[in-house]
Amino acid sequence: MTPEERPEDDAAWSRLSKKREMPGGLWLKCESCRQMIFRKELEARLRVCPNCSFHFTIGARERIEITVDPGTFEEFMPDLEPVDRLKFVDQVPYPEKVSAAQAKSALKEAIIAGTGSIKATPVVVAVLDFSFMGGSMGEVVGEKVARSAEVALETHRPLLVFTSSGGARMHEGAVSLMQMAKTCGAISRLQRAGGFSVSVLTNPTTGGVTASFASVCDVILAEPGALIGFAGPRVISTTLKQELPKGFQRAEFLLEKGQIDAIVPRDRMRDDLAKLMSYAPKSGGPRSR
């Protein structure tokens, strides 16, 4: 700005200078209400919009941090990585996509699993991360979910799964689809032995994840407004050639239809999970039917 363009009012010049010097990234726009939010306020509210209560998608490590007791989480199979068994190539070879996702997310895969406690109740936790290839389920995700159920069975702990996924990973083809049966089978064995499992569906949970382990746990919770379904609403609307009901495939719609058990806001999630986990059987043994 030239001296001639500078405002004569020193106060106005001071305000303009401060505005220009303000560092970027302090504000962001809500994906739902489109209002600007101060980033620190959003983080203090567990990434829930202060204006409309929209629940932003959060990563696996952040989810564990706000859910599990500090210092208790121990990850298992942290170095397990995907294998390109099909030599899949579209515009970019699959190994290159995996490497890019790992660099961007600082994760080996789209899931973190391990043991910990929630308000002193020991649990096994598996958390999907949407930032890694849309939280898609491939061989590694299936293996870690199945192993989580097995550890829960071996240690007599309840199993807690947080989902956030676009579905089965197309780059792994039938190997990815096989994980649907594998994960359901592992959770079924846990249930038959008297174990207890809780699934928390977060935004978004779709495709093969919804059609498998996300929907077969003993208790199914969801965060407010979460998109939950198999095919996307646009695909369904186009296929049926009709307009879908308002709020279709959102958590509130599914609760009304009896497909989930409860909707729990993020700031209450830890407390409600602790209560649920406290009811879990403390030892193994077949559950009565």
C-alpha atoms as a PDB file:
ATOM      1  CA  MET A   1       0.000   0.000   0.000  1.00  0.00           C
ATOM      2  CA  THR A   2       1.421   3.388  -1.009  1.00  0.00           C
ATOM      3  CA  PRO A   3       1.532   6.363   1.409  1.00  0.00           C
ATOM      4  CA  GLU A   4      -1.215   8.003  -0.646  1.00  0.00           C
ATOM      5  CA  GLU A   5      -3.484   4.947  -0.143  1.00  0.00           C
ATOM      6  CA  ARG A   6      -2.866   4.780   3.595  1.00  0.00           C
ATOM      7  CA  PRO A   7      -5.960   5.773   5.668  1.00  0.00           C
ATOM      8  CA  GLU A   8      -5.598   9.105   7.406  1.00  0.00           C
ATOM      9  CA  ASP A   9      -7.074   7.612  10.598  1.00  0.00           C
ATOM     10  CA  ASP A  10      -4.191   6.002  12.531  1.00  0.00           C
ATOM     11  CA  ALA A  11      -6.627   3.644  14.287  1.00  0.00           C
ATOM     12  CA  ALA A  12      -7.939   2.413  10.943  1.00  0.00           C
ATOM     13  CA  TRP A  13      -4.376   1.882   9.742  1.00  0.00           C
ATOM     14  CA  SER A  14      -3.583  -0.083  12.916  1.00  0.00           C
ATOM     15  CA  ARG A  15      -6.631  -2.349  12.438  1.00  0.00           C
ATOM     16  CA  LEU A  16      -5.743  -2.947   8.799  1.00  0.00           C
ATOM     17  CA  SER A  17      -2.146  -3.790   9.705  1.00  0.00           C
ATOM     18  CA  LYS A  18      -3.225  -6.284  12.347  1.00  0.00           C
ATOM     19  CA  LYS A  19      -5.624  -7.918   9.893  1.00  0.00           C
ATOM     20  CA  ARG A  20      -2.891  -8.322   7.323  1.00  0.00           C
ATOM     21  CA  GLU A  21      -0.476  -9.715   9.919  1.00  0.00           C
ATOM     22  CA  MET A  22      -2.982 -12.304  11.254  1.00  0.00           C
ATOM     23  CA  PRO A  23      -1.539 -15.788  10.654  1.00  0.00           C
ATOM     24  CA  GLY A  24      -3.509 -18.183   8.477  1.00  0.00           C
ATOM     25  CA  GLY A  25      -5.316 -21.244   9.735  1.00  0.00           C
ATOM     26  CA  LEU A  26      -6.904 -19.575  12.759  1.00  0.00           C
ATOM     27  CA  TRP A  27     -10.412 -19.893  11.341  1.00  0.00           C
ATOM     28  CA  LEU A  28     -12.260 -22.522   9.346  1.00  0.00           C
ATOM     29  CA  LYS A  29     -15.723 -22.903   7.865  1.00  0.00           C
ATOM     30  CA  CYS A  30     -18.233 -25.397   9.225  1.00  0.00           C
ATOM     31  CA  GLU A  31     -19.110 -28.054   6.657  1.00  0.00           C
ATOM     32  CA  SER A  32     -22.773 -27.910   7.710  1.00  0.00           C
ATOM     33  CA  CYS A  33     -23.837 -24.361   8.658  1.00  0.00           C
ATOM     34  CA  ARG A  34     -20.995 -22.654   6.715  1.00  0.00           C
ATOM     35  CA  GLN A  35     -20.247 -20.348   9.651  1.00  0.00           C
ATOM     36  CA  MET A  36     -16.666 -19.382  10.429  1.00  0.00           C
ATOM     37  CA  ILE A  37     -15.269 -21.034  13.573  1.00  0.00           C
ATOM     38  CA  PHE A  38     -12.228 -20.090  15.624  1.00  0.00           C
ATOM     39  CA  ARG A  39     -10.019 -23.170  15.364  1.00  0.00           C
ATOM     40  CA  LYS A  40      -8.998 -23.211  19.042  1.00  0.00           C
ATOM     41  CA  GLU A  41     -12.644 -23.037  20.105  1.00  0.00           C
ATOM     42  CA  LEU A  42     -13.454 -25.950  17.812  1.00  0.00           C
ATOM     43  CA  GLU A  43     -10.626 -28.034  19.260  1.00  0.00           C
ATOM     44  CA  ALA A  44     -11.732 -27.205  22.807  1.00  0.00           C
ATOM     45  CA  ARG A  45     -15.211 -28.507  21.908  1.00  0.00           C
ATOM     46  CA  LEU A  46     -13.786 -31.825  20.595  1.00  0.00           C
ATOM     47  CA  ARG A  47     -14.227 -30.598  17.008  1.00  0.00           C
ATOM     48  CA  VAL A  48     -17.976 -30.018  17.330  1.00  0.00           C
ATOM     49  CA  CYS A  49     -19.331 -26.831  15.723  1.00  0.00           C
ATOM     50  CA  PRO A  50     -20.422 -24.282  18.390  1.00  0.00           C
ATOM     51  CA  ASN A  51     -23.148 -22.959  16.066  1.00  0.00           C
ATOM     52  CA  CYS A  52     -24.922 -26.063  14.739  1.00  0.00           C
ATOM     53  CA  SER A  53     -23.286 -28.951  16.681  1.00  0.00           C
ATOM     54  CA  PHE A  54     -21.974 -30.542  13.484  1.00  0.00           C
ATOM     55  CA  HIS A  55     -19.500 -33.292  14.412  1.00  0.00           C
ATOM     56  CA  PHE A  56     -16.344 -32.979  12.320  1.00  0.00           C
ATOM     57  CA  THR A  57     -14.590 -36.199  11.337  1.00  0.00           C
ATOM     58  CA  ILE A  58     -11.567 -36.783  13.559  1.00  0.00           C
ATOM     59  CA  GLY A  59      -8.538 -39.050  13.226  1.00  0.00           C
ATOM     60  CA  ALA A  60      -7.904 -42.341  14.998  1.00  0.00           C
ATOM     61  CA  ARG A  61      -5.201 -41.017  17.320  1.00  0.00           C
ATOM     62  CA  GLU A  62      -7.345 -38.059  18.378  1.00  0.00           C
ATOM     63  CA  ARG A  63     -10.283 -40.406  18.944  1.00  0.00           C
ATOM     64  CA  ILE A  64      -8.187 -42.619  21.190  1.00  0.00           C
ATOM     65  CA  GLU A  65      -6.856 -39.591  23.063  1.00  0.00           C
ATOM     66  CA  ILE A  66     -10.340 -38.315  23.960  1.00  0.00           C
ATOM     67  CA  THR A  67     -11.759 -41.756  24.744  1.00  0.00           C
ATOM     68  CA  VAL A  68      -9.125 -43.929  26.427  1.00  0.00           C
ATOM     69  CA  ASP A  69      -7.634 -43.227  29.849  1.00  0.00           C
ATOM     70  CA  PRO A  70      -4.303 -41.357  29.511  1.00  0.00           C
ATOM     71  CA  GLY A  71      -1.267 -43.607  29.416  1.00  0.00           C
ATOM     72  CA  THR A  72      -3.218 -46.864  29.156  1.00  0.00           C
ATOM     73  CA  PHE A  73      -3.376 -47.454  25.398  1.00  0.00           C
ATOM     74  CA  GLU A  74      -1.024 -50.098  24.014  1.00  0.00           C
ATOM     75  CA  GLU A  75      -1.204 -50.596  20.266  1.00  0.00           C
ATOM     76  CA  PHE A  76      -0.804 -54.028  18.745  1.00  0.00           C
ATOM     77  CA  MET A  77       0.398 -54.884  15.236  1.00  0.00           C
ATOM     78  CA  PRO A  78       1.517 -51.259  14.639  1.00  0.00           C
ATOM     79  CA  ASP A  79       3.743 -52.130  11.665  1.00  0.00           C
ATOM     80  CA  LEU A  80       1.239 -54.178   9.671  1.00  0.00           C
ATOM     81  CA  GLU A  81       1.040 -52.739   6.135  1.00  0.00           C
ATOM     82  CA  PRO A  82      -1.024 -53.531   3.024  1.00  0.00           C
ATOM     83  CA  VAL A  83       0.318 -55.855   0.333  1.00  0.00           C
ATOM     84  CA  ASP A  84      -0.358 -55.354  -3.377  1.00  0.00           C
ATOM     85  CA  ARG A  85      -1.379 -58.953  -4.060  1.00  0.00           C
ATOM     86  CA  LEU A  86      -3.314 -58.070  -7.228  1.00  0.00           C
ATOM     87  CA  LYS A  87      -0.676 -55.722  -8.707  1.00  0.00           C
ATOM     88  CA  PHE A  88      -3.476 -53.183  -9.005  1.00  0.00           C
ATOM     89  CA  VAL A  89      -2.872 -50.179 -11.259  1.00  0.00           C
ATOM     90  CA  ASP A  90      -5.255 -47.454 -12.372  1.00  0.00           C
ATOM     91  CA  GLN A  91      -3.860 -43.941 -12.858  1.00  0.00           C
ATOM     92  CA  VAL A  92      -1.375 -44.605 -10.043  1.00  0.00           C
ATOM     93  CA  PRO A  93      -0.115 -48.013  -8.844  1.00  0.00           C
ATOM     94  CA  TYR A  94      -1.584 -49.140  -5.541  1.00  0.00           C
ATOM     95  CA  PRO A  95       1.767 -49.135  -3.654  1.00  0.00           C
ATOM     96  CA  GLU A  96       2.255 -45.477  -4.605  1.00  0.00           C
ATOM     97  CA  LYS A  97      -1.216 -44.604  -3.296  1.00  0.00           C
ATOM     98  CA  VAL A  98      -0.450 -46.380  -0.048  1.00  0.00           C
ATOM     99  CA  SER A  99       2.853 -44.541   0.327  1.00  0.00           C
ATOM    100  CA  ALA A 100       1.150 -41.202  -0.303  1.00  0.00           C
ATOM    101  CA  ALA A 101      -1.559 -42.013   2.245  1.00  0.00           C
ATOM    102  CA  GLN A 102       1.052 -43.028   4.814  1.00  0.00           C
ATOM    103  CA  ALA A 103       2.992 -39.799   4.316  1.00  0.00           C
ATOM    104  CA  LYS A 104      -0.147 -37.667   4.540  1.00  0.00           C
ATOM    105  CA  SER A 105      -1.723 -39.354   7.552  1.00  0.00           C
ATOM    106  CA  ALA A 106       1.396 -40.532   9.439  1.00  0.00           C
ATOM    107  CA  LEU A 107      -0.332 -43.930   9.725  1.00  0.00           C
ATOM    108  CA  LYS A 108       0.655 -47.361   8.404  1.00  0.00           C
ATOM    109  CA  GLU A 109      -2.960 -48.203   7.590  1.00  0.00           C
ATOM    110  CA  ALA A 110      -6.538 -46.969   8.023  1.00  0.00           C
ATOM    111  CA  ILE A 111      -6.900 -48.462  11.511  1.00  0.00           C
ATOM    112  CA  ILE A 112      -5.285 -48.331  14.933  1.00  0.00           C
ATOM    113  CA  ALA A 113      -6.032 -51.147  17.370  1.00  0.00           C
ATOM    114  CA  GLY A 114      -4.894 -51.935  20.873  1.00  0.00           C
ATOM    115  CA  THR A 115      -5.778 -52.351  24.518  1.00  0.00           C
ATOM    116  CA  GLY A 116      -6.480 -49.703  27.131  1.00  0.00           C
ATOM    117  CA  SER A 117      -9.080 -48.644  29.647  1.00  0.00           C
ATOM    118  CA  ILE A 118     -12.034 -46.268  29.786  1.00  0.00           C
ATOM    119  CA  LYS A 119     -12.580 -44.879  33.272  1.00  0.00           C
ATOM    120  CA  ALA A 120     -10.596 -47.811  34.659  1.00  0.00           C
ATOM    121  CA  THR A 121     -12.552 -50.485  32.737  1.00  0.00           C
ATOM    122  CA  PRO A 122     -10.154 -52.535  30.550  1.00  0.00           C
ATOM    123  CA  VAL A 123     -11.163 -52.616  26.865  1.00  0.00           C
ATOM    124  CA  VAL A 124      -9.922 -53.545  23.410  1.00  0.00           C
ATOM    125  CA  VAL A 125     -10.242 -50.643  20.968  1.00  0.00           C
ATOM    126  CA  ALA A 126     -10.128 -50.533  17.154  1.00  0.00           C
ATOM    127  CA  VAL A 127     -10.498 -47.160  15.419  1.00  0.00           C
ATOM    128  CA  LEU A 128     -10.749 -46.467  11.694  1.00  0.00           C
ATOM    129  CA  ASP A 129      -9.194 -43.300  10.288  1.00  0.00           C
ATOM    130  CA  PHE A 130     -10.887 -41.650   7.294  1.00  0.00           C
ATOM    131  CA  SER A 131      -7.771 -39.660   6.389  1.00  0.00           C
ATOM    132  CA  PHE A 132      -6.087 -42.884   5.178  1.00  0.00           C
ATOM    133  CA  MET A 133      -7.663 -43.686   1.812  1.00  0.00           C
ATOM    134  CA  GLY A 134     -11.124 -42.850   3.096  1.00  0.00           C
ATOM    135  CA  GLY A 135     -10.866 -45.337   5.957  1.00  0.00           C
ATOM    136  CA  SER A 136     -11.350 -48.107   3.404  1.00  0.00           C
ATOM    137  CA  MET A 137     -11.237 -51.734   4.551  1.00  0.00           C
ATOM    138  CA  GLY A 138      -8.543 -53.895   3.068  1.00  0.00           C
ATOM    139  CA  GLU A 139      -6.702 -56.961   4.305  1.00  0.00           C
ATOM    140  CA  VAL A 140      -4.948 -55.118   7.151  1.00  0.00           C
ATOM    141  CA  VAL A 141      -8.112 -53.460   8.469  1.00  0.00           C
ATOM    142  CA  GLY A 142      -9.911 -56.802   8.413  1.00  0.00           C
ATOM    143  CA  GLU A 143      -7.036 -58.523  10.187  1.00  0.00           C
ATOM    144  CA  LYS A 144      -6.843 -55.898  12.926  1.00  0.00           C
ATOM    145  CA  VAL A 145     -10.588 -55.891  13.555  1.00  0.00           C
ATOM    146  CA  ALA A 146     -10.607 -59.702  13.705  1.00  0.00           C
ATOM    147  CA  ARG A 147      -7.555 -59.723  15.963  1.00  0.00           C
ATOM    148  CA  SER A 148      -9.203 -57.133  18.225  1.00  0.00           C
ATOM    149  CA  ALA A 149     -12.159 -59.481  18.688  1.00  0.00           C
ATOM    150  CA  GLU A 150      -9.777 -62.359  19.411  1.00  0.00           C
ATOM    151  CA  VAL A 151      -7.852 -60.336  22.008  1.00  0.00           C
ATOM    152  CA  ALA A 152     -11.140 -59.314  23.615  1.00  0.00           C
ATOM    153  CA  LEU A 153     -12.067 -63.003  23.838  1.00  0.00           C
ATOM    154  CA  GLU A 154      -8.653 -64.046  25.189  1.00  0.00           C
ATOM    155  CA  THR A 155      -8.460 -61.298  27.826  1.00  0.00           C
ATOM    156  CA  HIS A 156     -12.178 -61.194  28.732  1.00  0.00           C
ATOM    157  CA  ARG A 157     -12.410 -57.521  27.817  1.00  0.00           C
ATOM    158  CA  PRO A 158     -15.237 -55.760  25.971  1.00  0.00           C
ATOM    159  CA  LEU A 159     -14.545 -54.772  22.364  1.00  0.00           C
ATOM    160  CA  LEU A 160     -15.054 -51.177  21.201  1.00  0.00           C
ATOM    161  CA  VAL A 161     -14.940 -50.259  17.504  1.00  0.00           C
ATOM    162  CA  PHE A 162     -15.140 -46.752  16.028  1.00  0.00           C
ATOM    163  CA  THR A 163     -15.914 -46.685  12.303  1.00  0.00           C
ATOM    164  CA  SER A 164     -15.345 -43.982   9.703  1.00  0.00           C
ATOM    165  CA  SER A 165     -15.075 -45.445   6.227  1.00  0.00           C
ATOM    166  CA  GLY A 166     -16.003 -45.309   2.580  1.00  0.00           C
ATOM    167  CA  GLY A 167     -16.274 -49.110   2.490  1.00  0.00           C
ATOM    168  CA  ALA A 168     -14.225 -51.986   1.086  1.00  0.00           C
ATOM    169  CA  ARG A 169     -10.969 -51.031  -0.658  1.00  0.00           C
ATOM    170  CA  MET A 170     -11.344 -51.576  -4.393  1.00  0.00           C
ATOM    171  CA  HIS A 171      -7.570 -51.868  -4.894  1.00  0.00           C
ATOM    172  CA  GLU A 172      -7.594 -55.213  -3.067  1.00  0.00           C
ATOM    173  CA  GLY A 173     -10.588 -56.654  -4.901  1.00  0.00           C
ATOM    174  CA  ALA A 174     -12.022 -59.912  -3.572  1.00  0.00           C
ATOM    175  CA  VAL A 175      -9.400 -59.970  -0.806  1.00  0.00           C
ATOM    176  CA  SER A 176     -11.016 -56.831   0.586  1.00  0.00           C
ATOM    177  CA  LEU A 177     -14.536 -58.264   0.312  1.00  0.00           C
ATOM    178  CA  MET A 178     -13.406 -61.375   2.187  1.00  0.00           C
ATOM    179  CA  GLN A 179     -12.759 -59.193   5.234  1.00  0.00           C
ATOM    180  CA  MET A 180     -16.506 -58.678   5.644  1.00  0.00           C
ATOM    181  CA  ALA A 181     -17.030 -62.355   6.483  1.00  0.00           C
ATOM    182  CA  LYS A 182     -13.778 -62.568   8.425  1.00  0.00           C
ATOM    183  CA  THR A 183     -14.614 -59.685  10.781  1.00  0.00           C
ATOM    184  CA  CYS A 184     -18.213 -60.810  11.287  1.00  0.00           C
ATOM    185  CA  GLY A 185     -17.011 -64.334  12.077  1.00  0.00           C
ATOM    186  CA  ALA A 186     -14.532 -63.063  14.686  1.00  0.00           C
ATOM    187  CA  ILE A 187     -17.144 -60.928  16.437  1.00  0.00           C
ATOM    188  CA  SER A 188     -19.641 -63.809  16.305  1.00  0.00           C
ATOM    189  CA  ARG A 189     -17.134 -66.071  18.107  1.00  0.00           C
ATOM    190  CA  LEU A 190     -16.677 -63.363  20.753  1.00  0.00           C
ATOM    191  CA  GLN A 191     -20.446 -63.122  21.229  1.00  0.00           C
ATOM    192  CA  ARG A 192     -20.978 -66.890  21.424  1.00  0.00           C
ATOM    193  CA  ALA A 193     -18.337 -67.059  24.158  1.00  0.00           C
ATOM    194  CA  GLY A 194     -20.181 -64.453  26.230  1.00  0.00           C
ATOM    195  CA  GLY A 195     -18.119 -61.453  25.180  1.00  0.00           C
ATOM    196  CA  PHE A 196     -19.462 -57.936  24.739  1.00  0.00           C
ATOM    197  CA  SER A 197     -18.948 -55.521  21.848  1.00  0.00           C
ATOM    198  CA  VAL A 198     -19.909 -51.941  21.027  1.00  0.00           C
ATOM    199  CA  SER A 199     -19.755 -50.247  17.631  1.00  0.00           C
ATOM    200  CA  VAL A 200     -19.742 -46.458  17.278  1.00  0.00           C
ATOM    201  CA  LEU A 201     -20.664 -45.250  13.772  1.00  0.00           C
ATOM    202  CA  THR A 202     -19.166 -41.866  12.942  1.00  0.00           C
ATOM    203  CA  ASN A 203     -19.388 -39.692   9.856  1.00  0.00           C
ATOM    204  CA  PRO A 204     -19.191 -41.306   7.343  1.00  0.00           C
ATOM    205  CA  THR A 205     -19.679 -45.068   7.721  1.00  0.00           C
ATOM    206  CA  THR A 206     -20.612 -46.667   4.412  1.00  0.00           C
ATOM    207  CA  GLY A 207     -20.144 -49.626   2.077  1.00  0.00           C
ATOM    208  CA  GLY A 208     -18.683 -52.932   3.185  1.00  0.00           C
ATOM    209  CA  VAL A 209     -17.847 -51.674   6.675  1.00  0.00           C
ATOM    210  CA  THR A 210     -21.506 -50.849   7.327  1.00  0.00           C
ATOM    211  CA  ALA A 211     -22.497 -54.222   5.869  1.00  0.00           C
ATOM    212  CA  SER A 212     -20.131 -56.149   8.137  1.00  0.00           C
ATOM    213  CA  PHE A 213     -18.519 -55.614  11.533  1.00  0.00           C
ATOM    214  CA  ALA A 214     -19.946 -52.104  12.116  1.00  0.00           C
ATOM    215  CA  SER A 215     -23.476 -53.488  12.267  1.00  0.00           C
ATOM    216  CA  VAL A 216     -23.097 -56.778  14.144  1.00  0.00           C
ATOM    217  CA  CYS A 217     -21.895 -55.683  17.594  1.00  0.00           C
ATOM    218  CA  ASP A 218     -24.091 -56.064  20.678  1.00  0.00           C
ATOM    219  CA  VAL A 219     -24.704 -52.316  20.960  1.00  0.00           C
ATOM    220  CA  ILE A 220     -24.599 -49.930  18.022  1.00  0.00           C
ATOM    221  CA  LEU A 221     -24.166 -46.207  18.730  1.00  0.00           C
ATOM    222  CA  ALA A 222     -23.733 -43.272  16.377  1.00  0.00           C
ATOM    223  CA  GLU A 223     -22.620 -39.672  16.556  1.00  0.00           C
ATOM    224  CA  PRO A 224     -25.217 -37.014  15.668  1.00  0.00           C
ATOM    225  CA  GLY A 225     -25.710 -36.422  11.962  1.00  0.00           C
ATOM    226  CA  ALA A 226     -23.398 -39.247  10.876  1.00  0.00           C
ATOM    227  CA  LEU A 227     -23.906 -40.519   7.323  1.00  0.00           C
ATOM    228  CA  ILE A 228     -24.499 -44.268   7.600  1.00  0.00           C
ATOM    229  CA  GLY A 229     -25.435 -46.611   4.778  1.00  0.00           C
ATOM    230  CA  PHE A 230     -24.287 -49.074   2.144  1.00  0.00           C
ATOM    231  CA  ALA A 231     -24.564 -47.269  -1.190  1.00  0.00           C
ATOM    232  CA  GLY A 232     -24.523 -43.469  -1.164  1.00  0.00           C
ATOM    233  CA  PRO A 233     -27.808 -41.540  -1.266  1.00  0.00           C
ATOM    234  CA  ARG A 234     -27.103 -40.161  -4.740  1.00  0.00           C
ATOM    235  CA  VAL A 235     -26.540 -43.674  -6.120  1.00  0.00           C
ATOM    236  CA  ILE A 236     -29.761 -44.916  -4.526  1.00  0.00           C
ATOM    237  CA  SER A 237     -31.768 -41.931  -5.716  1.00  0.00           C
ATOM    238  CA  THR A 238     -30.490 -42.344  -9.267  1.00  0.00           C
ATOM    239  CA  THR A 239     -31.148 -46.094  -9.267  1.00  0.00           C
ATOM    240  CA  LEU A 240     -34.673 -45.809  -7.849  1.00  0.00           C
ATOM    241  CA  LYS A 241     -35.398 -42.661  -9.850  1.00  0.00           C
ATOM    242  CA  GLN A 242     -37.168 -41.064  -6.910  1.00  0.00           C
ATOM    243  CA  GLU A 243     -36.498 -38.504  -4.227  1.00  0.00           C
ATOM    244  CA  LEU A 244     -35.318 -39.918  -0.913  1.00  0.00           C
ATOM    245  CA  PRO A 245     -36.857 -38.992   2.466  1.00  0.00           C
ATOM    246  CA  LYS A 246     -35.390 -36.004   4.279  1.00  0.00           C
ATOM    247  CA  GLY A 247     -32.425 -36.989   6.413  1.00  0.00           C
ATOM    248  CA  PHE A 248     -32.127 -40.374   4.671  1.00  0.00           C
ATOM    249  CA  GLN A 249     -29.086 -42.387   5.872  1.00  0.00           C
ATOM    250  CA  ARG A 250     -28.345 -39.973   8.696  1.00  0.00           C
ATOM    251  CA  ALA A 251     -27.994 -41.287  12.244  1.00  0.00           C
ATOM    252  CA  GLU A 252     -31.323 -39.780  13.311  1.00  0.00           C
ATOM    253  CA  PHE A 253     -33.151 -41.517  10.454  1.00  0.00           C
ATOM    254  CA  LEU A 254     -31.577 -44.864  11.335  1.00  0.00           C
ATOM    255  CA  LEU A 255     -32.464 -44.471  15.022  1.00  0.00           C
ATOM    256  CA  GLU A 256     -36.100 -43.831  14.051  1.00  0.00           C
ATOM    257  CA  LYS A 257     -36.085 -47.019  11.939  1.00  0.00           C
ATOM    258  CA  GLY A 258     -34.507 -49.103  14.709  1.00  0.00           C
ATOM    259  CA  GLN A 259     -31.194 -49.770  12.965  1.00  0.00           C
ATOM    260  CA  ILE A 260     -29.057 -48.266  15.733  1.00  0.00           C
ATOM    261  CA  ASP A 261     -29.523 -48.236  19.498  1.00  0.00           C
ATOM    262  CA  ALA A 262     -28.674 -44.641  20.421  1.00  0.00           C
ATOM    263  CA  ILE A 263     -27.158 -41.373  19.251  1.00  0.00           C
ATOM    264  CA  VAL A 264     -24.491 -40.052  21.587  1.00  0.00           C
ATOM    265  CA  PRO A 265     -22.892 -36.587  21.253  1.00  0.00           C
ATOM    266  CA  ARG A 266     -19.112 -36.576  21.326  1.00  0.00           C
ATOM    267  CA  ASP A 267     -18.863 -34.753  24.651  1.00  0.00           C
ATOM    268  CA  ARG A 268     -20.909 -37.543  26.288  1.00  0.00           C
ATOM    269  CA  MET A 269     -19.372 -40.479  24.436  1.00  0.00           C
ATOM    270  CA  ARG A 270     -16.641 -41.342  26.931  1.00  0.00           C
ATOM    271  CA  ASP A 271     -19.047 -41.320  29.906  1.00  0.00           C
ATOM    272  CA  ASP A 272     -21.682 -43.396  28.114  1.00  0.00           C
ATOM    273  CA  LEU A 273     -19.127 -45.906  26.889  1.00  0.00           C
ATOM    274  CA  ALA A 274     -17.750 -46.289  30.410  1.00  0.00           C
ATOM    275  CA  LYS A 275     -21.251 -47.126  31.655  1.00  0.00           C
ATOM    276  CA  LEU A 276     -21.799 -49.661  28.877  1.00  0.00           C
ATOM    277  CA  MET A 277     -18.423 -51.286  29.409  1.00  0.00           C
ATOM    278  CA  SER A 278     -19.074 -51.613  33.141  1.00  0.00           C
ATOM    279  CA  TYR A 279     -21.991 -53.934  32.305  1.00  0.00           C
ATOM    280  CA  ALA A 280     -19.793 -56.238  30.224  1.00  0.00           C
ATOM    281  CA  PRO A 281     -19.205 -59.805  31.475  1.00  0.00           C
ATOM    282  CA  LYS A 282     -16.016 -60.033  33.521  1.00  0.00           C
ATOM    283  CA  SER A 283     -15.245 -63.579  32.397  1.00  0.00           C
ATOM    284  CA  GLY A 284     -15.773 -65.829  29.416  1.00  0.00           C
ATOM    285  CA  GLY A 285     -18.330 -68.575  28.961  1.00  0.00           C
ATOM    286  CA  PRO A 286     -21.252 -69.080  26.580  1.00  0.00           C
ATOM    287  CA  ARG A 287     -23.973 -66.467  26.945  1.00  0.00           C
ATOM    288  CA  SER A 288     -27.509 -67.618  27.460  1.00  0.00           C
ATOM    289  CA  ARG A 289     -29.936 -67.211  24.566  1.00  0.00           C
END
